[in-house]
Amino acid sequence: MKLTAITCTYQRPAALELCRRYMARQTRKPDQWLILDGPEPMQQKILAAIEGGKIEGDAVVFFEDDDHYKPGWIAWCEKHIARGYDLVGEGMAVYYNVRYRWWSECSNGHHAALCQTACNRDFLETFANCIRSFDSAFIDTRIWQVECSKYLFMPRTPEERQVHGIKGIVGANGATGYSSEHRDAMPRGVHADPSLMQLFRWIGDDASNYSQFKAK
């Protein structure tokens, strides 16, 4: 199976450098890595890649520039796509805002965040149609509503989890991400963690990579 990894980015060199580091550690490297750079919204960059025929792989794995990936992420996606699923992903996401030092758990038991999603090539046209017809940045919720063969894994322990959502990394243009977890103020239901202790519990020594992003 030929795999394409897709990373959308714009003016976040420190985040992209960490992304490159996590990609270099993958036990299964992608056959093609598309880094889609530019000010356009993420979903529009993905749509342009699909419509422009840039994707060469039999499957697509999303590898976002500001999230933490364990070395087995791409291999995990390939394993489950090879089982015949159109869409695979990891649910019950956890998020850590490194700028303001708080974390939260998400109860997404029916879909995976885009950073925790992969799909086969046959699903790409459906993906494109979802982008064209869904006027929202949260395309992940829409694609997981599609009737198709899908596998959504619910990790119950830190050891089982492949992806940790990292929030609060600000680009050179001042932009962060779309979700509420990027906000300056702590949303209801999150947990303060000024010393990065929870992040160290989740990802070990890699947590030290994020000390540079703390708000002044």
N, C-alpha and C. Protein backbone atom coordinates (compact mmCIF):
# COMPACT_ATOMS: atom_id res chain seq x y z
N MET A 1 0.84 -1.20 0.00
CA MET A 1 0.00 0.00 0.00
C MET A 1 0.88 1.25 0.00
N LYS A 2 0.55 2.19 -0.87
CA LYS A 2 1.26 3.46 -0.92
C LYS A 2 0.51 4.49 -0.09
N LEU A 3 1.21 5.16 0.81
CA LEU A 3 0.57 6.09 1.74
C LEU A 3 0.99 7.52 1.48
N THR A 4 0.02 8.42 1.55
CA THR A 4 0.27 9.86 1.48
C THR A 4 -0.06 10.47 2.83
N ALA A 5 0.86 11.21 3.40
CA ALA A 5 0.60 12.00 4.61
C ALA A 5 0.34 13.43 4.19
N ILE A 6 -0.61 14.07 4.85
CA ILE A 6 -0.95 15.47 4.55
C ILE A 6 -0.80 16.31 5.81
N THR A 7 -0.03 17.38 5.68
CA THR A 7 0.16 18.36 6.75
C THR A 7 -0.19 19.74 6.22
N CYS A 8 -1.14 20.40 6.85
CA CYS A 8 -1.47 21.79 6.51
C CYS A 8 -0.76 22.72 7.49
N THR A 9 -0.16 23.77 6.99
CA THR A 9 0.59 24.67 7.87
C THR A 9 0.59 26.07 7.28
N TYR A 10 0.94 27.04 8.12
CA TYR A 10 1.12 28.41 7.65
C TYR A 10 1.80 29.23 8.74
N GLN A 11 3.04 29.65 8.47
CA GLN A 11 3.80 30.55 9.34
C GLN A 11 3.89 30.05 10.78
N ARG A 12 4.14 28.75 10.95
CA ARG A 12 4.38 28.20 12.28
C ARG A 12 5.64 27.34 12.22
N PRO A 13 6.78 27.96 12.01
CA PRO A 13 8.01 27.19 11.80
C PRO A 13 8.40 26.31 12.99
N ALA A 14 8.18 26.79 14.21
CA ALA A 14 8.54 25.98 15.37
C ALA A 14 7.67 24.73 15.46
N ALA A 15 6.38 24.89 15.19
CA ALA A 15 5.48 23.75 15.18
C ALA A 15 5.84 22.78 14.06
N LEU A 16 6.15 23.30 12.88
CA LEU A 16 6.48 22.44 11.75
C LEU A 16 7.77 21.68 12.00
N GLU A 17 8.71 22.30 12.69
CA GLU A 17 9.95 21.60 13.02
C GLU A 17 9.69 20.41 13.93
N LEU A 18 8.81 20.57 14.91
CA LEU A 18 8.44 19.43 15.76
C LEU A 18 7.71 18.37 14.93
N CYS A 19 6.87 18.81 14.03
CA CYS A 19 6.15 17.89 13.15
C CYS A 19 7.14 17.05 12.34
N ARG A 20 8.16 17.68 11.81
CA ARG A 20 9.19 16.96 11.05
C ARG A 20 9.90 15.94 11.94
N ARG A 21 10.14 16.31 13.17
CA ARG A 21 10.80 15.41 14.11
C ARG A 21 9.94 14.18 14.38
N TYR A 22 8.63 14.40 14.58
CA TYR A 22 7.74 13.27 14.84
C TYR A 22 7.56 12.40 13.60
N MET A 23 7.62 13.02 12.42
CA MET A 23 7.54 12.23 11.19
C MET A 23 8.80 11.36 11.03
N ALA A 24 9.95 11.92 11.36
CA ALA A 24 11.20 11.17 11.22
C ALA A 24 11.23 9.94 12.11
N ARG A 25 10.45 9.94 13.20
CA ARG A 25 10.42 8.81 14.13
C ARG A 25 9.39 7.76 13.76
N GLN A 26 8.56 8.01 12.76
CA GLN A 26 7.52 7.05 12.42
C GLN A 26 8.13 5.72 11.98
N THR A 27 7.59 4.63 12.50
CA THR A 27 8.08 3.31 12.12
C THR A 27 7.69 2.96 10.70
N ARG A 28 6.65 3.61 10.19
CA ARG A 28 6.24 3.45 8.80
C ARG A 28 6.20 4.85 8.19
N LYS A 29 7.18 5.15 7.34
CA LYS A 29 7.23 6.46 6.72
C LYS A 29 6.23 6.52 5.56
N PRO A 30 5.65 7.68 5.30
CA PRO A 30 4.76 7.80 4.14
C PRO A 30 5.57 7.72 2.85
N ASP A 31 4.92 7.26 1.79
CA ASP A 31 5.57 7.24 0.48
C ASP A 31 5.55 8.64 -0.14
N GLN A 32 4.62 9.44 0.30
CA GLN A 32 4.51 10.83 -0.16
C GLN A 32 4.08 11.68 1.04
N TRP A 33 4.76 12.81 1.22
CA TRP A 33 4.35 13.73 2.30
C TRP A 33 4.04 15.07 1.68
N LEU A 34 2.77 15.44 1.67
CA LEU A 34 2.35 16.74 1.15
C LEU A 34 2.26 17.74 2.29
N ILE A 35 3.09 18.75 2.25
CA ILE A 35 3.01 19.85 3.21
C ILE A 35 2.34 21.01 2.49
N LEU A 36 1.10 21.26 2.86
CA LEU A 36 0.27 22.26 2.18
C LEU A 36 0.39 23.58 2.93
N ASP A 37 1.18 24.48 2.39
CA ASP A 37 1.50 25.74 3.06
C ASP A 37 0.73 26.88 2.40
N GLY A 38 0.25 27.80 3.21
CA GLY A 38 -0.42 28.96 2.67
C GLY A 38 -1.51 29.45 3.59
N PRO A 39 -2.02 30.67 3.34
CA PRO A 39 -2.99 31.30 4.24
C PRO A 39 -4.42 30.79 4.08
N GLU A 40 -4.68 29.97 3.08
CA GLU A 40 -6.05 29.48 2.85
C GLU A 40 -6.50 28.60 4.02
N PRO A 41 -7.79 28.52 4.28
CA PRO A 41 -8.29 27.61 5.32
C PRO A 41 -7.85 26.18 5.03
N MET A 42 -7.64 25.43 6.08
CA MET A 42 -7.12 24.07 5.96
C MET A 42 -7.95 23.23 5.00
N GLN A 43 -9.27 23.26 5.16
CA GLN A 43 -10.11 22.40 4.32
C GLN A 43 -10.01 22.77 2.85
N GLN A 44 -9.79 24.05 2.54
CA GLN A 44 -9.63 24.46 1.15
C GLN A 44 -8.30 23.98 0.57
N LYS A 45 -7.27 23.93 1.39
CA LYS A 45 -5.99 23.40 0.91
C LYS A 45 -6.11 21.91 0.62
N ILE A 46 -6.84 21.20 1.47
CA ILE A 46 -7.05 19.78 1.24
C ILE A 46 -7.85 19.55 -0.03
N LEU A 47 -8.90 20.35 -0.22
CA LEU A 47 -9.73 20.23 -1.42
C LEU A 47 -8.90 20.47 -2.68
N ALA A 48 -8.04 21.48 -2.64
CA ALA A 48 -7.19 21.77 -3.80
C ALA A 48 -6.25 20.61 -4.10
N ALA A 49 -5.75 19.95 -3.06
CA ALA A 49 -4.86 18.80 -3.27
C ALA A 49 -5.61 17.64 -3.90
N ILE A 50 -6.85 17.43 -3.47
CA ILE A 50 -7.67 16.35 -4.05
C ILE A 50 -8.02 16.68 -5.50
N GLU A 51 -8.56 17.88 -5.72
CA GLU A 51 -8.99 18.26 -7.07
C GLU A 51 -7.82 18.39 -8.03
N GLY A 52 -6.66 18.76 -7.51
CA GLY A 52 -5.49 18.94 -8.36
C GLY A 52 -4.73 17.66 -8.65
N GLY A 53 -5.21 16.53 -8.14
CA GLY A 53 -4.56 15.26 -8.40
C GLY A 53 -3.18 15.12 -7.76
N LYS A 54 -2.96 15.83 -6.67
CA LYS A 54 -1.65 15.80 -6.04
C LYS A 54 -1.42 14.56 -5.17
N ILE A 55 -2.51 13.90 -4.79
CA ILE A 55 -2.40 12.77 -3.86
C ILE A 55 -2.10 11.49 -4.64
N GLU A 56 -0.97 10.88 -4.34
CA GLU A 56 -0.53 9.69 -5.05
C GLU A 56 -0.84 8.39 -4.32
N GLY A 57 -1.14 8.46 -3.04
CA GLY A 57 -1.26 7.26 -2.23
C GLY A 57 -2.56 6.51 -2.40
N ASP A 58 -2.53 5.24 -1.98
CA ASP A 58 -3.74 4.43 -1.90
C ASP A 58 -4.55 4.80 -0.66
N ALA A 59 -3.92 5.49 0.26
CA ALA A 59 -4.58 5.96 1.48
C ALA A 59 -3.93 7.25 1.91
N VAL A 60 -4.69 8.04 2.67
CA VAL A 60 -4.23 9.34 3.17
C VAL A 60 -4.26 9.32 4.69
N VAL A 61 -3.15 9.77 5.30
CA VAL A 61 -3.05 9.89 6.74
C VAL A 61 -2.83 11.36 7.07
N PHE A 62 -3.66 11.91 7.94
CA PHE A 62 -3.48 13.31 8.32
C PHE A 62 -2.48 13.41 9.46
N PHE A 63 -1.58 14.38 9.33
CA PHE A 63 -0.46 14.54 10.25
C PHE A 63 -0.30 16.04 10.48
N GLU A 64 -1.06 16.58 11.43
CA GLU A 64 -1.14 18.03 11.57
C GLU A 64 0.13 18.62 12.18
N ASP A 65 0.37 19.89 11.88
CA ASP A 65 1.66 20.49 12.24
C ASP A 65 1.79 20.77 13.74
N ASP A 66 0.67 20.83 14.47
CA ASP A 66 0.78 21.24 15.88
C ASP A 66 0.38 20.14 16.85
N ASP A 67 0.33 18.90 16.41
CA ASP A 67 -0.07 17.82 17.30
C ASP A 67 1.07 16.83 17.54
N HIS A 68 0.93 16.06 18.61
CA HIS A 68 1.97 15.10 18.98
C HIS A 68 1.57 13.70 18.50
N TYR A 69 2.48 13.07 17.75
CA TYR A 69 2.24 11.74 17.22
C TYR A 69 3.27 10.75 17.75
N LYS A 70 2.77 9.63 18.23
CA LYS A 70 3.67 8.56 18.62
C LYS A 70 4.25 7.90 17.37
N PRO A 71 5.38 7.21 17.51
CA PRO A 71 6.04 6.63 16.32
C PRO A 71 5.21 5.61 15.55
N GLY A 72 4.19 5.05 16.17
CA GLY A 72 3.41 4.03 15.48
C GLY A 72 2.16 4.52 14.78
N TRP A 73 1.94 5.86 14.73
CA TRP A 73 0.68 6.37 14.20
C TRP A 73 0.41 5.95 12.76
N ILE A 74 1.35 6.19 11.85
CA ILE A 74 1.11 5.88 10.45
C ILE A 74 0.97 4.38 10.26
N ALA A 75 1.77 3.58 10.96
CA ALA A 75 1.65 2.13 10.87
C ALA A 75 0.27 1.66 11.36
N TRP A 76 -0.24 2.31 12.41
CA TRP A 76 -1.57 1.99 12.93
C TRP A 76 -2.63 2.25 11.87
N CYS A 77 -2.54 3.40 11.21
CA CYS A 77 -3.50 3.75 10.16
C CYS A 77 -3.44 2.75 9.01
N GLU A 78 -2.23 2.42 8.57
CA GLU A 78 -2.08 1.47 7.47
C GLU A 78 -2.69 0.11 7.83
N LYS A 79 -2.45 -0.34 9.04
CA LYS A 79 -2.98 -1.63 9.49
C LYS A 79 -4.49 -1.70 9.35
N HIS A 80 -5.17 -0.64 9.77
CA HIS A 80 -6.63 -0.67 9.77
C HIS A 80 -7.23 -0.33 8.40
N ILE A 81 -6.58 0.51 7.62
CA ILE A 81 -7.03 0.73 6.24
C ILE A 81 -6.92 -0.58 5.47
N ALA A 82 -5.84 -1.34 5.72
CA ALA A 82 -5.63 -2.61 5.03
C ALA A 82 -6.70 -3.64 5.38
N ARG A 83 -7.41 -3.44 6.48
CA ARG A 83 -8.50 -4.34 6.87
C ARG A 83 -9.76 -4.10 6.04
N GLY A 84 -9.73 -3.07 5.19
CA GLY A 84 -10.84 -2.81 4.30
C GLY A 84 -11.71 -1.63 4.68
N TYR A 85 -11.31 -0.85 5.66
CA TYR A 85 -12.10 0.31 6.07
C TYR A 85 -11.84 1.50 5.13
N ASP A 86 -12.89 2.28 4.89
CA ASP A 86 -12.74 3.53 4.14
C ASP A 86 -12.17 4.64 5.01
N LEU A 87 -12.53 4.61 6.29
CA LEU A 87 -12.20 5.69 7.22
C LEU A 87 -11.79 5.08 8.55
N VAL A 88 -10.66 5.49 9.07
CA VAL A 88 -10.22 5.01 10.39
C VAL A 88 -9.77 6.19 11.23
N GLY A 89 -9.85 6.04 12.53
CA GLY A 89 -9.42 7.14 13.39
C GLY A 89 -9.45 6.77 14.85
N GLU A 90 -9.03 7.72 15.65
CA GLU A 90 -8.94 7.57 17.09
C GLU A 90 -9.86 8.59 17.75
N GLY A 91 -10.79 8.11 18.57
CA GLY A 91 -11.74 8.99 19.23
C GLY A 91 -11.35 9.32 20.66
N MET A 92 -12.30 9.92 21.40
CA MET A 92 -12.07 10.31 22.80
C MET A 92 -10.78 11.11 22.93
N ALA A 93 -10.68 12.16 22.14
CA ALA A 93 -9.45 12.95 22.06
C ALA A 93 -9.11 13.64 23.37
N VAL A 94 -7.82 13.88 23.56
CA VAL A 94 -7.35 14.70 24.67
C VAL A 94 -6.59 15.89 24.07
N TYR A 95 -6.70 17.04 24.74
CA TYR A 95 -6.09 18.27 24.24
C TYR A 95 -5.28 18.95 25.33
N TYR A 96 -4.19 19.56 24.90
CA TYR A 96 -3.36 20.30 25.84
C TYR A 96 -3.03 21.66 25.22
N ASN A 97 -3.39 22.73 25.91
CA ASN A 97 -3.06 24.08 25.47
C ASN A 97 -1.72 24.47 26.08
N VAL A 98 -0.68 24.49 25.24
CA VAL A 98 0.68 24.72 25.75
C VAL A 98 0.93 26.20 26.02
N ARG A 99 0.13 27.07 25.46
CA ARG A 99 0.31 28.51 25.68
C ARG A 99 -0.20 28.91 27.06
N TYR A 100 -1.34 28.35 27.44
CA TYR A 100 -1.95 28.73 28.71
C TYR A 100 -1.98 27.60 29.74
N ARG A 101 -1.38 26.46 29.38
CA ARG A 101 -1.13 25.36 30.32
C ARG A 101 -2.40 24.80 30.96
N TRP A 102 -3.30 24.30 30.13
CA TRP A 102 -4.43 23.55 30.65
C TRP A 102 -4.75 22.42 29.69
N TRP A 103 -5.45 21.41 30.20
CA TRP A 103 -5.77 20.25 29.37
C TRP A 103 -7.24 19.87 29.52
N SER A 104 -7.72 19.12 28.56
CA SER A 104 -9.12 18.70 28.58
C SER A 104 -9.27 17.36 27.88
N GLU A 105 -10.38 16.72 28.16
CA GLU A 105 -10.73 15.47 27.51
C GLU A 105 -12.00 15.69 26.71
N CYS A 106 -12.05 15.15 25.51
CA CYS A 106 -13.19 15.33 24.62
C CYS A 106 -14.01 14.04 24.58
N SER A 107 -15.31 14.17 24.57
CA SER A 107 -16.19 13.00 24.54
C SER A 107 -16.63 12.67 23.12
N ASN A 108 -15.72 12.82 22.14
CA ASN A 108 -16.10 12.54 20.75
C ASN A 108 -16.11 11.03 20.51
N GLY A 109 -17.21 10.43 20.90
CA GLY A 109 -17.36 9.00 20.75
C GLY A 109 -17.93 8.57 19.41
N HIS A 110 -18.23 9.54 18.53
CA HIS A 110 -18.82 9.21 17.24
C HIS A 110 -17.96 9.68 16.06
N HIS A 111 -16.89 10.37 16.33
CA HIS A 111 -16.01 10.80 15.24
C HIS A 111 -14.61 11.03 15.78
N ALA A 112 -13.65 11.08 14.87
CA ALA A 112 -12.27 11.41 15.22
C ALA A 112 -11.97 12.82 14.74
N ALA A 113 -11.12 13.52 15.46
CA ALA A 113 -10.61 14.80 14.96
C ALA A 113 -9.82 14.53 13.68
N LEU A 114 -9.70 15.54 12.82
CA LEU A 114 -9.00 15.33 11.56
C LEU A 114 -7.55 14.91 11.80
N CYS A 115 -6.92 15.43 12.84
CA CYS A 115 -5.54 15.07 13.13
C CYS A 115 -5.40 13.60 13.53
N GLN A 116 -6.52 12.94 13.77
CA GLN A 116 -6.53 11.53 14.18
C GLN A 116 -7.29 10.67 13.19
N THR A 117 -7.27 11.07 11.92
CA THR A 117 -8.06 10.40 10.88
C THR A 117 -7.19 9.99 9.70
N ALA A 118 -7.56 8.87 9.08
CA ALA A 118 -6.99 8.43 7.81
C ALA A 118 -8.11 7.86 6.96
N CYS A 119 -7.93 7.86 5.65
CA CYS A 119 -8.95 7.32 4.76
C CYS A 119 -8.30 6.66 3.56
N ASN A 120 -9.04 5.79 2.89
CA ASN A 120 -8.49 5.20 1.68
C ASN A 120 -8.78 6.11 0.48
N ARG A 121 -8.16 5.77 -0.64
CA ARG A 121 -8.26 6.64 -1.82
C ARG A 121 -9.70 6.72 -2.33
N ASP A 122 -10.44 5.63 -2.20
CA ASP A 122 -11.82 5.63 -2.69
C ASP A 122 -12.70 6.64 -1.96
N PHE A 123 -12.29 7.04 -0.77
CA PHE A 123 -13.09 7.97 0.02
C PHE A 123 -12.82 9.43 -0.34
N LEU A 124 -11.79 9.69 -1.14
CA LEU A 124 -11.36 11.08 -1.37
C LEU A 124 -12.42 11.92 -2.06
N GLU A 125 -13.15 11.35 -3.01
CA GLU A 125 -14.18 12.14 -3.69
C GLU A 125 -15.30 12.50 -2.72
N THR A 126 -15.65 11.54 -1.84
CA THR A 126 -16.63 11.83 -0.80
C THR A 126 -16.12 12.93 0.12
N PHE A 127 -14.84 12.85 0.47
CA PHE A 127 -14.21 13.87 1.30
C PHE A 127 -14.35 15.24 0.64
N ALA A 128 -14.02 15.30 -0.65
CA ALA A 128 -14.11 16.56 -1.39
C ALA A 128 -15.54 17.09 -1.41
N ASN A 129 -16.51 16.20 -1.62
CA ASN A 129 -17.91 16.63 -1.64
C ASN A 129 -18.34 17.18 -0.28
N CYS A 130 -17.83 16.58 0.79
CA CYS A 130 -18.14 17.08 2.13
C CYS A 130 -17.62 18.50 2.31
N ILE A 131 -16.42 18.76 1.83
CA ILE A 131 -15.85 20.10 1.95
C ILE A 131 -16.67 21.10 1.14
N ARG A 132 -17.06 20.71 -0.07
CA ARG A 132 -17.81 21.62 -0.95
C ARG A 132 -19.18 21.96 -0.37
N SER A 133 -19.79 21.02 0.34
CA SER A 133 -21.17 21.20 0.79
C SER A 133 -21.31 21.59 2.25
N PHE A 134 -20.19 21.63 2.98
CA PHE A 134 -20.26 21.86 4.42
C PHE A 134 -19.54 23.15 4.75
N ASP A 135 -20.27 24.18 5.10
CA ASP A 135 -19.70 25.51 5.33
C ASP A 135 -19.24 25.64 6.78
N SER A 136 -18.18 24.91 7.09
CA SER A 136 -17.64 24.94 8.45
C SER A 136 -16.20 24.46 8.41
N ALA A 137 -15.40 24.97 9.33
CA ALA A 137 -14.01 24.52 9.44
C ALA A 137 -13.93 23.12 10.02
N PHE A 138 -14.98 22.69 10.70
CA PHE A 138 -14.94 21.40 11.40
C PHE A 138 -15.37 20.27 10.47
N ILE A 139 -14.58 20.06 9.42
CA ILE A 139 -14.91 19.06 8.42
C ILE A 139 -14.84 17.65 8.99
N ASP A 140 -14.10 17.46 10.08
CA ASP A 140 -13.98 16.13 10.66
C ASP A 140 -15.35 15.57 11.08
N THR A 141 -16.17 16.39 11.70
CA THR A 141 -17.49 15.91 12.12
C THR A 141 -18.34 15.49 10.92
N ARG A 142 -18.20 16.21 9.82
CA ARG A 142 -19.01 15.91 8.63
C ARG A 142 -18.58 14.60 7.98
N ILE A 143 -17.30 14.39 7.78
CA ILE A 143 -16.89 13.17 7.07
C ILE A 143 -17.21 11.92 7.88
N TRP A 144 -17.20 12.03 9.22
CA TRP A 144 -17.50 10.86 10.03
C TRP A 144 -19.00 10.58 10.10
N GLN A 145 -19.82 11.49 9.56
CA GLN A 145 -21.26 11.23 9.46
C GLN A 145 -21.62 10.42 8.21
N VAL A 146 -20.69 10.34 7.27
CA VAL A 146 -20.94 9.66 6.01
C VAL A 146 -21.11 8.16 6.24
N GLU A 147 -22.06 7.57 5.53
CA GLU A 147 -22.24 6.12 5.59
C GLU A 147 -21.14 5.45 4.78
N CYS A 148 -20.26 4.74 5.47
CA CYS A 148 -19.15 4.05 4.82
C CYS A 148 -18.62 3.02 5.80
N SER A 149 -17.64 2.27 5.37
CA SER A 149 -17.00 1.31 6.27
C SER A 149 -15.98 2.06 7.10
N LYS A 150 -16.18 2.11 8.42
CA LYS A 150 -15.30 2.93 9.26
C LYS A 150 -14.94 2.21 10.55
N TYR A 151 -13.79 2.59 11.07
CA TYR A 151 -13.31 2.03 12.34
C TYR A 151 -12.84 3.18 13.22
N LEU A 152 -13.52 3.35 14.36
CA LEU A 152 -13.18 4.40 15.31
C LEU A 152 -12.72 3.73 16.60
N PHE A 153 -11.44 3.89 16.91
CA PHE A 153 -10.86 3.25 18.08
C PHE A 153 -10.96 4.18 19.29
N MET A 154 -11.34 3.61 20.43
CA MET A 154 -11.47 4.39 21.66
C MET A 154 -10.37 3.99 22.65
N PRO A 155 -9.27 4.74 22.69
CA PRO A 155 -8.20 4.40 23.63
C PRO A 155 -8.64 4.63 25.07
N ARG A 156 -8.25 3.74 25.95
CA ARG A 156 -8.62 3.83 27.36
C ARG A 156 -7.43 4.12 28.26
N THR A 157 -6.23 3.98 27.74
CA THR A 157 -5.03 4.23 28.53
C THR A 157 -4.07 5.10 27.72
N PRO A 158 -3.14 5.81 28.37
CA PRO A 158 -2.14 6.59 27.63
C PRO A 158 -1.32 5.73 26.68
N GLU A 159 -1.10 4.48 27.03
CA GLU A 159 -0.29 3.60 26.20
C GLU A 159 -0.99 3.28 24.88
N GLU A 160 -2.32 3.23 24.91
CA GLU A 160 -3.07 2.91 23.69
C GLU A 160 -3.19 4.10 22.74
N ARG A 161 -3.05 5.29 23.27
CA ARG A 161 -3.30 6.49 22.46
C ARG A 161 -2.11 6.79 21.54
N GLN A 162 -2.43 7.08 20.27
CA GLN A 162 -1.40 7.41 19.28
C GLN A 162 -1.20 8.92 19.10
N VAL A 163 -2.26 9.70 19.33
CA VAL A 163 -2.21 11.13 19.01
C VAL A 163 -2.70 11.96 20.19
N HIS A 164 -2.00 13.05 20.45
CA HIS A 164 -2.41 14.01 21.48
C HIS A 164 -2.56 15.37 20.81
N GLY A 165 -3.71 15.99 21.00
CA GLY A 165 -3.96 17.29 20.39
C GLY A 165 -3.25 18.40 21.16
N ILE A 166 -2.42 19.14 20.47
CA ILE A 166 -1.69 20.26 21.07
C ILE A 166 -2.32 21.56 20.58
N LYS A 167 -2.72 22.40 21.52
CA LYS A 167 -3.39 23.65 21.19
C LYS A 167 -2.56 24.83 21.68
N GLY A 168 -2.86 26.01 21.11
CA GLY A 168 -2.27 27.23 21.62
C GLY A 168 -0.96 27.65 20.98
N ILE A 169 -0.48 26.95 19.94
CA ILE A 169 0.73 27.38 19.24
C ILE A 169 0.34 28.47 18.25
N VAL A 170 0.88 29.65 18.44
CA VAL A 170 0.49 30.81 17.64
C VAL A 170 1.46 30.99 16.48
N GLY A 171 0.90 31.18 15.29
CA GLY A 171 1.73 31.41 14.12
C GLY A 171 2.27 32.83 14.06
N ALA A 172 3.17 33.06 13.11
CA ALA A 172 3.77 34.39 12.96
C ALA A 172 2.72 35.44 12.62
N ASN A 173 1.62 34.99 12.03
CA ASN A 173 0.55 35.92 11.68
C ASN A 173 -0.46 36.10 12.82
N GLY A 174 -0.19 35.48 13.97
CA GLY A 174 -1.06 35.60 15.12
C GLY A 174 -2.19 34.60 15.17
N ALA A 175 -2.30 33.77 14.15
CA ALA A 175 -3.40 32.80 14.09
C ALA A 175 -3.08 31.56 14.90
N THR A 176 -4.15 30.96 15.47
CA THR A 176 -4.01 29.65 16.12
C THR A 176 -4.86 28.67 15.31
N GLY A 177 -5.72 27.94 15.97
CA GLY A 177 -6.59 27.01 15.27
C GLY A 177 -8.04 27.41 15.45
N TYR A 178 -8.94 26.53 15.02
CA TYR A 178 -10.36 26.86 15.01
C TYR A 178 -11.07 26.55 16.32
N SER A 179 -10.67 25.50 16.99
CA SER A 179 -11.48 24.99 18.10
C SER A 179 -11.38 25.87 19.34
N SER A 180 -12.33 25.65 20.24
CA SER A 180 -12.37 26.44 21.48
C SER A 180 -11.16 26.17 22.36
N GLU A 181 -10.50 25.03 22.16
CA GLU A 181 -9.34 24.71 22.98
C GLU A 181 -8.14 25.62 22.72
N HIS A 182 -8.20 26.43 21.67
CA HIS A 182 -7.13 27.40 21.39
C HIS A 182 -7.34 28.73 22.12
N ARG A 183 -8.47 28.93 22.76
CA ARG A 183 -8.80 30.23 23.33
C ARG A 183 -7.86 30.62 24.47
N ASP A 184 -7.74 31.94 24.67
CA ASP A 184 -6.91 32.45 25.76
C ASP A 184 -7.50 32.07 27.11
N ALA A 185 -8.80 32.25 27.24
CA ALA A 185 -9.45 31.94 28.51
C ALA A 185 -9.72 30.44 28.61
N MET A 186 -9.67 29.91 29.82
CA MET A 186 -9.90 28.49 30.02
C MET A 186 -11.39 28.19 29.89
N PRO A 187 -11.79 27.36 28.91
CA PRO A 187 -13.21 26.97 28.82
C PRO A 187 -13.62 26.15 30.04
N ARG A 188 -14.89 26.04 30.24
CA ARG A 188 -15.40 25.23 31.35
C ARG A 188 -14.99 23.77 31.19
N GLY A 189 -14.64 23.13 32.29
CA GLY A 189 -14.35 21.71 32.27
C GLY A 189 -12.92 21.33 31.97
N VAL A 190 -12.01 22.32 31.90
CA VAL A 190 -10.61 22.00 31.65
C VAL A 190 -9.82 22.05 32.96
N HIS A 191 -8.59 21.57 32.90
CA HIS A 191 -7.78 21.41 34.10
C HIS A 191 -6.47 22.19 33.97
N ALA A 192 -6.20 23.05 34.93
CA ALA A 192 -4.95 23.82 34.92
C ALA A 192 -3.77 22.90 35.18
N ASP A 193 -2.64 23.21 34.52
CA ASP A 193 -1.45 22.37 34.65
C ASP A 193 -0.21 23.22 34.38
N PRO A 194 0.10 24.18 35.27
CA PRO A 194 1.17 25.15 34.99
C PRO A 194 2.56 24.53 34.81
N SER A 195 2.78 23.34 35.33
CA SER A 195 4.12 22.73 35.27
C SER A 195 4.28 21.71 34.15
N LEU A 196 3.29 21.56 33.28
CA LEU A 196 3.30 20.57 32.20
C LEU A 196 3.27 19.13 32.71
N MET A 197 2.92 18.94 33.96
CA MET A 197 2.97 17.60 34.55
C MET A 197 2.08 16.61 33.79
N GLN A 198 0.86 17.04 33.44
CA GLN A 198 -0.05 16.14 32.74
C GLN A 198 0.49 15.79 31.36
N LEU A 199 1.09 16.76 30.70
CA LEU A 199 1.65 16.49 29.38
C LEU A 199 2.80 15.49 29.47
N PHE A 200 3.62 15.61 30.51
CA PHE A 200 4.69 14.63 30.73
C PHE A 200 4.11 13.24 30.97
N ARG A 201 2.99 13.16 31.67
CA ARG A 201 2.35 11.85 31.88
C ARG A 201 1.91 11.24 30.56
N TRP A 202 1.43 12.09 29.66
CA TRP A 202 0.93 11.60 28.39
C TRP A 202 2.04 11.22 27.42
N ILE A 203 3.02 12.10 27.24
CA ILE A 203 3.99 11.91 26.15
C ILE A 203 5.43 11.85 26.61
N GLY A 204 5.65 11.77 27.91
CA GLY A 204 7.01 11.62 28.42
C GLY A 204 7.87 12.84 28.16
N ASP A 205 9.14 12.59 27.85
CA ASP A 205 10.10 13.69 27.70
C ASP A 205 9.79 14.62 26.54
N ASP A 206 8.96 14.19 25.60
CA ASP A 206 8.58 15.09 24.50
C ASP A 206 7.85 16.32 25.02
N ALA A 207 7.30 16.26 26.22
CA ALA A 207 6.59 17.42 26.78
C ALA A 207 7.50 18.64 26.88
N SER A 208 8.80 18.40 27.05
CA SER A 208 9.74 19.53 27.17
C SER A 208 9.81 20.33 25.86
N ASN A 209 9.41 19.72 24.75
CA ASN A 209 9.43 20.45 23.47
C ASN A 209 8.47 21.63 23.46
N TYR A 210 7.53 21.64 24.38
CA TYR A 210 6.46 22.65 24.35
C TYR A 210 6.65 23.77 25.37
N SER A 211 7.71 23.71 26.15
CA SER A 211 7.93 24.77 27.15
C SER A 211 8.14 26.12 26.48
N GLN A 212 8.63 26.11 25.24
CA GLN A 212 8.91 27.36 24.51
C GLN A 212 7.66 28.15 24.13
N PHE A 213 6.50 27.51 24.18
CA PHE A 213 5.28 28.15 23.67
C PHE A 213 4.46 28.83 24.76
N LYS A 214 4.92 28.81 25.99
CA LYS A 214 4.14 29.41 27.08
C LYS A 214 3.97 30.92 26.89
N ALA A 215 2.78 31.40 27.16
CA ALA A 215 2.50 32.84 27.03
C ALA A 215 3.38 33.62 27.99
N LYS A 216 3.86 34.75 27.55
CA LYS A 216 4.72 35.60 28.37
C LYS A 216 3.87 36.30 29.44
